[in-house]
C-alpha atoms as a PDB file:
ATOM      1  CA  MET A   1     -26.391-233.496-237.548  1.00  0.00           C
ATOM      2  CA  PHE A   2     -28.257-236.213-239.774  1.00  0.00           C
ATOM      3  CA  ASP A   3     -27.169-239.558-239.380  1.00  0.00           C
ATOM      4  CA  TRP A   4     -27.236-241.281-242.650  1.00  0.00           C
ATOM      5  CA  GLU A   5     -25.780-244.808-241.190  1.00  0.00           C
ATOM      6  CA  ASN A   6     -29.095-245.032-239.937  1.00  0.00           C
ATOM      7  CA  LEU A   7     -30.690-244.935-243.097  1.00  0.00           C
ATOM      8  CA  ARG A   8     -28.394-247.481-244.716  1.00  0.00           C
ATOM      9  CA  TYR A   9     -30.072-249.508-241.457  1.00  0.00           C
ATOM     10  CA  PHE A  10     -33.815-248.750-242.409  1.00  0.00           C
ATOM     11  CA  ALA A  11     -33.275-249.221-246.049  1.00  0.00           C
ATOM     12  CA  ALA A  12     -32.160-252.562-245.259  1.00  0.00           C
ATOM     13  CA  LEU A  13     -35.293-253.263-242.740  1.00  0.00           C
ATOM     14  CA  ALA A  14     -37.479-252.359-245.388  1.00  0.00           C
ATOM     15  CA  GLN A  15     -35.735-254.689-248.161  1.00  0.00           C
ATOM     16  CA  THR A  16     -35.860-257.860-245.692  1.00  0.00           C
ATOM     17  CA  GLY A  17     -38.911-257.219-243.724  1.00  0.00           C
ATOM     18  CA  THR A  18     -37.505-258.583-240.714  1.00  0.00           C
ATOM     19  CA  LEU A  19     -35.218-257.188-238.261  1.00  0.00           C
ATOM     20  CA  LEU A  20     -33.515-260.710-238.634  1.00  0.00           C
ATOM     21  CA  GLY A  21     -33.429-260.400-242.193  1.00  0.00           C
ATOM     22  CA  ALA A  22     -31.936-257.043-242.080  1.00  0.00           C
ATOM     23  CA  ALA A  23     -29.083-257.824-239.817  1.00  0.00           C
ATOM     24  CA  ARG A  24     -28.014-261.169-241.506  1.00  0.00           C
ATOM     25  CA  SER A  25     -27.437-259.015-244.935  1.00  0.00           C
ATOM     26  CA  LEU A  26     -25.527-256.426-242.826  1.00  0.00           C
ATOM     27  CA  ALA A  27     -23.662-258.381-240.933  1.00  0.00           C
ATOM     28  CA  VAL A  28     -24.666-257.269-237.196  1.00  0.00           C
ATOM     29  CA  GLU A  29     -26.865-257.892-234.640  1.00  0.00           C
ATOM     30  CA  HIS A  30     -30.560-257.125-234.656  1.00  0.00           C
ATOM     31  CA  ALA A  31     -30.611-255.244-231.550  1.00  0.00           C
ATOM     32  CA  THR A  32     -28.075-253.098-233.532  1.00  0.00           C
ATOM     33  CA  VAL A  33     -30.555-252.556-236.318  1.00  0.00           C
ATOM     34  CA  ALA A  34     -33.309-251.539-234.153  1.00  0.00           C
ATOM     35  CA  ARG A  35     -31.603-249.523-233.157  1.00  0.00           C
ATOM     36  CA  ARG A  36     -30.110-247.562-236.249  1.00  0.00           C
ATOM     37  CA  VAL A  37     -33.842-247.351-237.203  1.00  0.00           C
ATOM     38  CA  ALA A  38     -35.378-246.178-233.803  1.00  0.00           C
ATOM     39  CA  GLY A  39     -32.779-243.116-234.132  1.00  0.00           C
ATOM     40  CA  LEU A  40     -33.648-242.624-237.949  1.00  0.00           C
ATOM     41  CA  GLU A  41     -37.065-242.131-236.627  1.00  0.00           C
ATOM     42  CA  ALA A  42     -36.269-239.961-233.872  1.00  0.00           C
ATOM     43  CA  GLN A  43     -33.943-237.728-235.940  1.00  0.00           C
ATOM     44  CA  MET A  44     -36.891-237.443-238.527  1.00  0.00           C
ATOM     45  CA  GLY A  45     -39.409-237.141-236.016  1.00  0.00           C
ATOM     46  CA  VAL A  46     -41.637-239.679-238.107  1.00  0.00           C
ATOM     47  CA  LYS A  47     -42.593-243.237-236.996  1.00  0.00           C
ATOM     48  CA  LEU A  48     -41.599-245.513-240.427  1.00  0.00           C
ATOM     49  CA  VAL A  49     -41.834-248.639-238.740  1.00  0.00           C
ATOM     50  CA  ASP A  50     -45.364-250.253-237.778  1.00  0.00           C
ATOM     51  CA  ARG A  51     -43.679-253.035-234.985  1.00  0.00           C
ATOM     52  CA  ARG A  52     -47.116-254.754-234.117  1.00  0.00           C
ATOM     53  CA  GLY A  53     -46.387-258.742-234.904  1.00  0.00           C
ATOM     54  CA  ARG A  54     -43.596-260.883-235.862  1.00  0.00           C
ATOM     55  CA  ARG A  55     -42.795-258.743-239.290  1.00  0.00           C
ATOM     56  CA  ILE A  56     -42.143-255.677-239.589  1.00  0.00           C
ATOM     57  CA  SER A  57     -44.211-253.386-241.980  1.00  0.00           C
ATOM     58  CA  LEU A  58     -43.764-249.733-242.821  1.00  0.00           C
ATOM     59  CA  THR A  59     -45.829-246.524-242.457  1.00  0.00           C
ATOM     60  CA  ALA A  60     -47.184-244.603-244.947  1.00  0.00           C
ATOM     61  CA  GLU A  61     -44.046-242.356-244.370  1.00  0.00           C
ATOM     62  CA  GLY A  62     -42.218-245.170-244.207  1.00  0.00           C
ATOM     63  CA  GLN A  63     -42.746-246.510-247.167  1.00  0.00           C
ATOM     64  CA  ARG A  64     -42.158-242.936-249.099  1.00  0.00           C
ATOM     65  CA  VAL A  65     -38.618-243.236-246.609  1.00  0.00           C
ATOM     66  CA  ALA A  66     -37.620-246.428-247.998  1.00  0.00           C
ATOM     67  CA  ALA A  67     -38.512-246.008-252.028  1.00  0.00           C
ATOM     68  CA  MET A  68     -36.493-243.046-251.882  1.00  0.00           C
ATOM     69  CA  ALA A  69     -33.361-244.634-249.906  1.00  0.00           C
ATOM     70  CA  GLU A  70     -33.717-247.855-252.424  1.00  0.00           C
ATOM     71  CA  ARG A  71     -33.019-244.886-255.070  1.00  0.00           C
ATOM     72  CA  MET A  72     -29.891-243.357-253.311  1.00  0.00           C
ATOM     73  CA  GLY A  73     -28.743-247.042-252.741  1.00  0.00           C
ATOM     74  CA  GLU A  74     -28.904-247.931-256.478  1.00  0.00           C
ATOM     75  CA  GLU A  75     -27.167-244.384-256.938  1.00  0.00           C
ATOM     76  CA  ALA A  76     -24.347-245.762-254.250  1.00  0.00           C
ATOM     77  CA  ARG A  77     -23.895-249.108-255.995  1.00  0.00           C
ATOM     78  CA  ALA A  78     -23.298-247.564-259.211  1.00  0.00           C
ATOM     79  CA  ILE A  79     -20.641-245.319-258.295  1.00  0.00           C
ATOM     80  CA  GLU A  80     -19.116-248.397-256.782  1.00  0.00           C
ATOM     81  CA  ARG A  81     -19.490-249.900-260.017  1.00  0.00           C
ATOM     82  CA  VAL A  82     -17.321-247.159-261.316  1.00  0.00           C
ATOM     83  CA  SER A  83     -14.454-246.955-258.951  1.00  0.00           C
ATOM     84  CA  LEU A  84     -13.874-251.212-259.278  1.00  0.00           C
ATOM     85  CA  ALA A  85     -13.718-250.588-262.898  1.00  0.00           C
ATOM     86  CA  ALA A  86     -11.226-248.149-262.360  1.00  0.00           C
ATOM     87  CA  GLY A  87      -9.022-250.159-261.211  1.00  0.00           C
ATOM     88  CA  GLY A  88      -6.711-252.510-262.998  1.00  0.00           C
ATOM     89  CA  ARG A  89      -4.848-254.929-260.930  1.00  0.00           C
ATOM     90  CA  LEU A  90      -5.120-258.235-260.594  1.00  0.00           C
ATOM     91  CA  ALA A  91      -5.642-257.691-256.747  1.00  0.00           C
ATOM     92  CA  GLY A  92      -8.890-258.047-254.980  1.00  0.00           C
ATOM     93  CA  ASP A  93     -11.905-259.292-253.542  1.00  0.00           C
ATOM     94  CA  VAL A  94     -14.434-261.386-255.770  1.00  0.00           C
ATOM     95  CA  LYS A  95     -17.423-262.850-254.695  1.00  0.00           C
ATOM     96  CA  VAL A  96     -19.232-266.096-256.575  1.00  0.00           C
ATOM     97  CA  SER A  97     -22.878-266.580-256.250  1.00  0.00           C
ATOM     98  CA  ALA A  98     -23.832-270.269-257.200  1.00  0.00           C
ATOM     99  CA  PRO A  99     -25.861-273.167-256.214  1.00  0.00           C
ATOM    100  CA  PRO A 100     -23.953-274.692-253.428  1.00  0.00           C
ATOM    101  CA  THR A 101     -23.931-277.886-254.876  1.00  0.00           C
ATOM    102  CA  LEU A 102     -22.778-277.146-258.158  1.00  0.00           C
ATOM    103  CA  ALA A 103     -19.968-274.720-256.678  1.00  0.00           C
ATOM    104  CA  ALA A 104     -18.560-277.539-254.484  1.00  0.00           C
ATOM    105  CA  ALA A 105     -18.327-280.137-257.294  1.00  0.00           C
ATOM    106  CA  LEU A 106     -17.438-277.647-260.413  1.00  0.00           C
ATOM    107  CA  LEU A 107     -16.016-274.181-259.314  1.00  0.00           C
ATOM    108  CA  ALA A 108     -13.470-275.453-256.476  1.00  0.00           C
ATOM    109  CA  GLY A 109     -10.700-276.427-258.916  1.00  0.00           C
ATOM    110  CA  PRO A 110     -10.955-273.739-261.277  1.00  0.00           C
ATOM    111  CA  LEU A 111     -10.857-271.039-258.617  1.00  0.00           C
ATOM    112  CA  VAL A 112      -7.832-272.523-256.453  1.00  0.00           C
ATOM    113  CA  GLU A 113      -6.012-272.902-259.947  1.00  0.00           C
ATOM    114  CA  LEU A 114      -6.463-269.234-261.010  1.00  0.00           C
ATOM    115  CA  ARG A 115      -5.748-268.406-257.132  1.00  0.00           C
ATOM    116  CA  ARG A 116      -2.511-269.999-258.078  1.00  0.00           C
ATOM    117  CA  ASN A 117      -1.624-267.679-260.491  1.00  0.00           C
ATOM    118  CA  HIS A 118      -2.988-264.424-259.165  1.00  0.00           C
ATOM    119  CA  PRO A 119      -2.512-265.330-255.290  1.00  0.00           C
ATOM    120  CA  ASP A 120      -3.550-261.632-254.783  1.00  0.00           C
ATOM    121  CA  ILE A 121      -7.095-262.293-256.024  1.00  0.00           C
ATOM    122  CA  ALA A 122      -9.492-263.259-252.581  1.00  0.00           C
ATOM    123  CA  ILE A 123     -12.365-265.702-253.720  1.00  0.00           C
ATOM    124  CA  THR A 124     -15.580-265.658-251.957  1.00  0.00           C
ATOM    125  CA  ILE A 125     -18.422-268.226-252.707  1.00  0.00           C
ATOM    126  CA  VAL A 126     -21.927-266.809-251.750  1.00  0.00           C
ATOM    127  CA  GLY A 127     -23.075-270.879-251.675  1.00  0.00           C
ATOM    128  CA  GLU A 128     -27.033-269.622-250.665  1.00  0.00           C
ATOM    129  CA  THR A 129     -30.098-271.521-252.860  1.00  0.00           C
ATOM    130  CA  ARG A 130     -31.383-267.987-253.033  1.00  0.00           C
ATOM    131  CA  TYR A 131     -29.822-265.783-255.951  1.00  0.00           C
ATOM    132  CA  ALA A 132     -27.151-262.815-254.601  1.00  0.00           C
ATOM    133  CA  SER A 133     -28.259-259.540-255.979  1.00  0.00           C
ATOM    134  CA  LEU A 134     -25.916-258.095-258.453  1.00  0.00           C
ATOM    135  CA  ASP A 135     -27.576-254.792-258.411  1.00  0.00           C
ATOM    136  CA  ARG A 136     -26.969-254.611-254.687  1.00  0.00           C
ATOM    137  CA  ARG A 137     -23.631-256.482-255.253  1.00  0.00           C
ATOM    138  CA  GLU A 138     -24.321-258.871-252.854  1.00  0.00           C
ATOM    139  CA  ALA A 139     -22.151-261.142-255.723  1.00  0.00           C
ATOM    140  CA  ASP A 140     -19.802-259.690-258.453  1.00  0.00           C
ATOM    141  CA  ILE A 141     -20.383-262.826-260.502  1.00  0.00           C
ATOM    142  CA  ALA A 142     -23.536-265.285-260.244  1.00  0.00           C
ATOM    143  CA  VAL A 143     -22.903-269.194-261.962  1.00  0.00           C
ATOM    144  CA  ARG A 144     -27.139-269.817-262.278  1.00  0.00           C
ATOM    145  CA  MET A 145     -29.198-272.657-263.751  1.00  0.00           C
ATOM    146  CA  THR A 146     -31.816-269.778-264.887  1.00  0.00           C
ATOM    147  CA  LYS A 147     -31.164-267.580-267.417  1.00  0.00           C
ATOM    148  CA  PRO A 148     -31.989-263.893-265.805  1.00  0.00           C
ATOM    149  CA  GLU A 149     -34.876-262.313-267.915  1.00  0.00           C
ATOM    150  CA  GLN A 150     -33.895-258.334-266.204  1.00  0.00           C
ATOM    151  CA  GLY A 151     -31.213-256.232-265.412  1.00  0.00           C
ATOM    152  CA  ASP A 152     -28.048-254.955-267.596  1.00  0.00           C
ATOM    153  CA  PHE A 153     -26.245-258.162-267.723  1.00  0.00           C
ATOM    154  CA  THR A 154     -23.649-259.801-269.504  1.00  0.00           C
ATOM    155  CA  ILE A 155     -24.629-263.411-270.157  1.00  0.00           C
ATOM    156  CA  THR A 156     -22.662-266.111-271.114  1.00  0.00           C
ATOM    157  CA  LYS A 157     -23.422-269.757-271.681  1.00  0.00           C
ATOM    158  CA  LEU A 158     -20.806-271.835-269.474  1.00  0.00           C
ATOM    159  CA  GLY A 159     -22.479-275.459-270.631  1.00  0.00           C
ATOM    160  CA  ASP A 160     -25.056-277.977-269.944  1.00  0.00           C
ATOM    161  CA  VAL A 161     -25.599-280.249-266.514  1.00  0.00           C
ATOM    162  CA  ALA A 162     -27.534-283.570-267.520  1.00  0.00           C
ATOM    163  CA  PHE A 163     -29.879-285.097-264.894  1.00  0.00           C
ATOM    164  CA  GLY A 164     -30.414-289.027-264.548  1.00  0.00           C
ATOM    165  CA  PHE A 165     -32.515-291.638-261.761  1.00  0.00           C
ATOM    166  CA  TYR A 166     -30.402-293.228-259.448  1.00  0.00           C
ATOM    167  CA  ALA A 167     -30.712-295.933-256.977  1.00  0.00           C
ATOM    168  CA  ALA A 168     -28.124-298.378-254.979  1.00  0.00           C
ATOM    169  CA  PRO A 169     -28.188-302.019-256.542  1.00  0.00           C
ATOM    170  CA  THR A 170     -29.239-303.646-253.618  1.00  0.00           C
ATOM    171  CA  TYR A 171     -32.514-301.731-253.766  1.00  0.00           C
ATOM    172  CA  LEU A 172     -33.197-302.169-257.343  1.00  0.00           C
ATOM    173  CA  ALA A 173     -32.474-306.089-256.758  1.00  0.00           C
ATOM    174  CA  CYS A 174     -35.462-306.532-254.187  1.00  0.00           C
ATOM    175  CA  VAL A 175     -37.744-303.831-254.613  1.00  0.00           C
ATOM    176  CA  PRO A 176     -39.989-304.299-258.125  1.00  0.00           C
ATOM    177  CA  GLU A 177     -40.615-301.321-259.995  1.00  0.00           C
ATOM    178  CA  GLU A 178     -43.958-300.546-259.377  1.00  0.00           C
ATOM    179  CA  ASP A 179     -42.984-300.463-255.969  1.00  0.00           C
ATOM    180  CA  TRP A 180     -40.175-298.052-255.789  1.00  0.00           C
ATOM    181  CA  ASN A 181     -39.977-294.992-253.600  1.00  0.00           C
ATOM    182  CA  PHE A 182     -38.475-291.826-254.485  1.00  0.00           C
ATOM    183  CA  ILE A 183     -36.273-288.777-253.185  1.00  0.00           C
ATOM    184  CA  ALA A 184     -37.286-285.964-253.932  1.00  0.00           C
ATOM    185  CA  TYR A 185     -36.480-282.350-252.866  1.00  0.00           C
ATOM    186  CA  ASP A 186     -38.896-280.725-250.859  1.00  0.00           C
ATOM    187  CA  GLU A 187     -41.515-278.041-251.446  1.00  0.00           C
ATOM    188  CA  THR A 188     -38.980-275.410-251.987  1.00  0.00           C
ATOM    189  CA  MET A 189     -37.904-276.542-254.747  1.00  0.00           C
ATOM    190  CA  SER A 190     -41.506-277.732-256.293  1.00  0.00           C
ATOM    191  CA  SER A 191     -41.479-275.183-259.225  1.00  0.00           C
ATOM    192  CA  SER A 192     -37.833-276.677-260.716  1.00  0.00           C
ATOM    193  CA  PRO A 193     -37.324-278.847-263.348  1.00  0.00           C
ATOM    194  CA  GLN A 194     -35.846-281.652-261.539  1.00  0.00           C
ATOM    195  CA  SER A 195     -39.041-281.642-259.419  1.00  0.00           C
ATOM    196  CA  THR A 196     -41.329-281.495-262.405  1.00  0.00           C
ATOM    197  CA  ARG A 197     -39.557-284.439-264.007  1.00  0.00           C
ATOM    198  CA  LEU A 198     -39.345-286.720-260.714  1.00  0.00           C
ATOM    199  CA  LEU A 199     -43.436-286.052-260.315  1.00  0.00           C
ATOM    200  CA  GLU A 200     -43.885-287.422-263.843  1.00  0.00           C
ATOM    201  CA  VAL A 201     -41.390-290.473-263.815  1.00  0.00           C
ATOM    202  CA  ALA A 202     -42.828-291.242-260.301  1.00  0.00           C
ATOM    203  CA  ASN A 203     -46.293-291.338-261.538  1.00  0.00           C
ATOM    204  CA  GLY A 204     -48.386-291.908-258.218  1.00  0.00           C
ATOM    205  CA  ARG A 205     -45.282-293.997-256.440  1.00  0.00           C
ATOM    206  CA  LYS A 206     -44.641-292.766-253.134  1.00  0.00           C
ATOM    207  CA  LEU A 207     -41.859-289.930-252.702  1.00  0.00           C
ATOM    208  CA  SER A 208     -40.527-291.558-249.073  1.00  0.00           C
ATOM    209  CA  ILE A 209     -37.838-289.038-248.666  1.00  0.00           C
ATOM    210  CA  LYS A 210     -37.653-285.000-249.399  1.00  0.00           C
ATOM    211  CA  ALA A 211     -34.583-282.911-248.460  1.00  0.00           C
ATOM    212  CA  THR A 212     -33.601-279.204-249.075  1.00  0.00           C
ATOM    213  CA  THR A 213     -29.729-280.299-250.391  1.00  0.00           C
ATOM    214  CA  LEU A 214     -28.945-282.649-253.269  1.00  0.00           C
ATOM    215  CA  GLU A 215     -25.998-284.008-250.879  1.00  0.00           C
ATOM    216  CA  PHE A 216     -28.313-285.691-248.625  1.00  0.00           C
ATOM    217  CA  GLN A 217     -30.797-286.982-251.388  1.00  0.00           C
ATOM    218  CA  LEU A 218     -27.315-288.963-252.323  1.00  0.00           C
ATOM    219  CA  SER A 219     -26.835-290.176-249.402  1.00  0.00           C
ATOM    220  CA  ALA A 220     -30.038-291.404-249.024  1.00  0.00           C
ATOM    221  CA  ALA A 221     -30.074-293.247-252.452  1.00  0.00           C
ATOM    222  CA  ARG A 222     -26.785-294.873-251.856  1.00  0.00           C
ATOM    223  CA  ALA A 223     -28.448-295.883-248.787  1.00  0.00           C
ATOM    224  CA  GLY A 224     -31.009-297.984-250.339  1.00  0.00           C
ATOM    225  CA  GLY A 225     -33.800-295.414-249.727  1.00  0.00           C
ATOM    226  CA  GLY A 226     -34.986-295.386-253.015  1.00  0.00           C
ATOM    227  CA  VAL A 227     -34.511-293.646-256.685  1.00  0.00           C
ATOM    228  CA  ALA A 228     -33.080-289.940-256.800  1.00  0.00           C
ATOM    229  CA  LEU A 229     -32.640-287.425-259.392  1.00  0.00           C
ATOM    230  CA  LEU A 230     -29.344-286.607-259.126  1.00  0.00           C
ATOM    231  CA  PRO A 231     -26.860-284.219-261.968  1.00  0.00           C
ATOM    232  CA  ASN A 232     -24.395-286.664-263.148  1.00  0.00           C
ATOM    233  CA  PHE A 233     -21.502-284.267-261.961  1.00  0.00           C
ATOM    234  CA  LEU A 234     -22.291-285.389-258.381  1.00  0.00           C
ATOM    235  CA  LEU A 235     -21.424-289.029-258.874  1.00  0.00           C
ATOM    236  CA  ALA A 236     -18.233-288.602-260.830  1.00  0.00           C
ATOM    237  CA  GLY A 237     -16.200-290.761-259.014  1.00  0.00           C
ATOM    238  CA  LEU A 238     -18.689-292.421-256.705  1.00  0.00           C
ATOM    239  CA  ASP A 239     -20.571-295.871-256.509  1.00  0.00           C
ATOM    240  CA  GLY A 240     -22.779-297.370-254.785  1.00  0.00           C
ATOM    241  CA  LEU A 241     -25.528-296.428-257.459  1.00  0.00           C
ATOM    242  CA  VAL A 242     -26.836-297.381-260.817  1.00  0.00           C
ATOM    243  CA  LYS A 243     -29.059-295.994-263.608  1.00  0.00           C
ATOM    244  CA  ALA A 244     -32.678-296.668-262.743  1.00  0.00           C
ATOM    245  CA  VAL A 245     -34.433-295.371-265.424  1.00  0.00           C
ATOM    246  CA  ARG A 246     -33.245-295.918-269.053  1.00  0.00           C
ATOM    247  CA  GLU A 247     -34.511-292.175-270.682  1.00  0.00           C
ATOM    248  CA  PRO A 248     -34.432-291.315-274.063  1.00  0.00           C
ATOM    249  CA  LYS A 249     -33.798-288.032-273.126  1.00  0.00           C
ATOM    250  CA  PRO A 250     -32.597-286.922-269.563  1.00  0.00           C
ATOM    251  CA  LEU A 251     -33.413-284.004-268.303  1.00  0.00           C
ATOM    252  CA  THR A 252     -30.578-281.158-269.225  1.00  0.00           C
ATOM    253  CA  ARG A 253     -29.942-277.976-267.725  1.00  0.00           C
ATOM    254  CA  GLU A 254     -28.817-274.800-268.816  1.00  0.00           C
ATOM    255  CA  VAL A 255     -25.827-272.843-266.879  1.00  0.00           C
ATOM    256  CA  TRP A 256     -25.279-269.649-267.256  1.00  0.00           C
ATOM    257  CA  LEU A 257     -22.235-267.103-266.428  1.00  0.00           C
ATOM    258  CA  VAL A 258     -23.401-263.937-265.297  1.00  0.00           C
ATOM    259  CA  VAL A 259     -22.146-260.227-264.546  1.00  0.00           C
ATOM    260  CA  HIS A 260     -23.398-256.333-264.413  1.00  0.00           C
ATOM    261  CA  SER A 261     -22.340-255.522-267.608  1.00  0.00           C
ATOM    262  CA  ASP A 262     -20.479-251.860-265.788  1.00  0.00           C
ATOM    263  CA  ILE A 263     -17.915-254.338-264.561  1.00  0.00           C
ATOM    264  CA  ARG A 264     -17.575-257.075-266.745  1.00  0.00           C
ATOM    265  CA  ASN A 265     -14.091-255.670-268.341  1.00  0.00           C
ATOM    266  CA  VAL A 266     -12.748-254.928-264.840  1.00  0.00           C
ATOM    267  CA  PRO A 267      -9.116-257.115-265.078  1.00  0.00           C
ATOM    268  CA  ILE A 268     -10.172-258.883-261.664  1.00  0.00           C
ATOM    269  CA  ILE A 269     -13.952-259.904-262.529  1.00  0.00           C
ATOM    270  CA  ARG A 270     -12.541-260.997-266.421  1.00  0.00           C
ATOM    271  CA  ALA A 271      -9.834-263.019-264.515  1.00  0.00           C
ATOM    272  CA  VAL A 272     -12.210-264.815-262.339  1.00  0.00           C
ATOM    273  CA  MET A 273     -14.560-265.294-265.395  1.00  0.00           C
ATOM    274  CA  GLU A 274     -12.189-266.792-267.878  1.00  0.00           C
ATOM    275  CA  ALA A 275     -11.319-269.297-264.865  1.00  0.00           C
ATOM    276  CA  LEU A 276     -14.895-270.184-264.789  1.00  0.00           C
ATOM    277  CA  LYS A 277     -15.100-270.767-268.706  1.00  0.00           C
ATOM    278  CA  LYS A 278     -11.926-272.336-270.211  1.00  0.00           C
ATOM    279  CA  SER A 279     -12.259-275.543-267.289  1.00  0.00           C
ATOM    280  CA  TRP A 280     -16.186-276.577-267.704  1.00  0.00           C
ATOM    281  CA  SER A 281     -15.483-279.538-267.715  1.00  0.00           C
ATOM    282  CA  TYR A 282     -16.591-282.790-266.164  1.00  0.00           C
END
């Protein structure tokens, strides 16, 4: 009998390109993925994967099977959405994908309040820097700072986030403006509007510290490490920083609430969405 579970593991490998990536997406050990894929090859009597090198590549047959497995996965996820839409109770699990810093600063309050009113709703925050896929049910609801241009999604604007240039008062008092150092994102965010604006303002001055997380950039600025471009919500209730640059038009980013259109009217999904929309204030 054909083991369809092996096909699911192969599909994850085809999508991620590595055993480790597939293992993470399936929450298993990478050895399990390797064993399952080998089992599928044995079942079919066909070599699907070229295992030379660190990154997995698919054979011609593997590419054909991967395409068919992806179509099967899309249909299976569509069936899941139909099943979810049929449920009418305010109970169950909801995954919300959002940028980690934004989630910690702005989403905790409304979601905790939601659970006080509806304790049978369980919330999981997918606080990853990458965008979790709504099509693949990696998340049910997404909070995004970039509006999706493709996909069958229902999209609502939540609000705007303003950014400003901040530094420690002692740093600004001791370092002439022409000698300022700037604290920036690393290369993973080089194409973001924040990075572009920072480079414009730095205008050739040194980027002394680079960090993936805003939390570290904030700490570095408070420690006197230079000037950082930070979202205003991150500074709520904090001292030790002052505005370093007075801009006539500060950078703002729009924040969007995104849900797959098939499940937008599911009661449990709507409850979470409404909590986020009504509580968007800081």
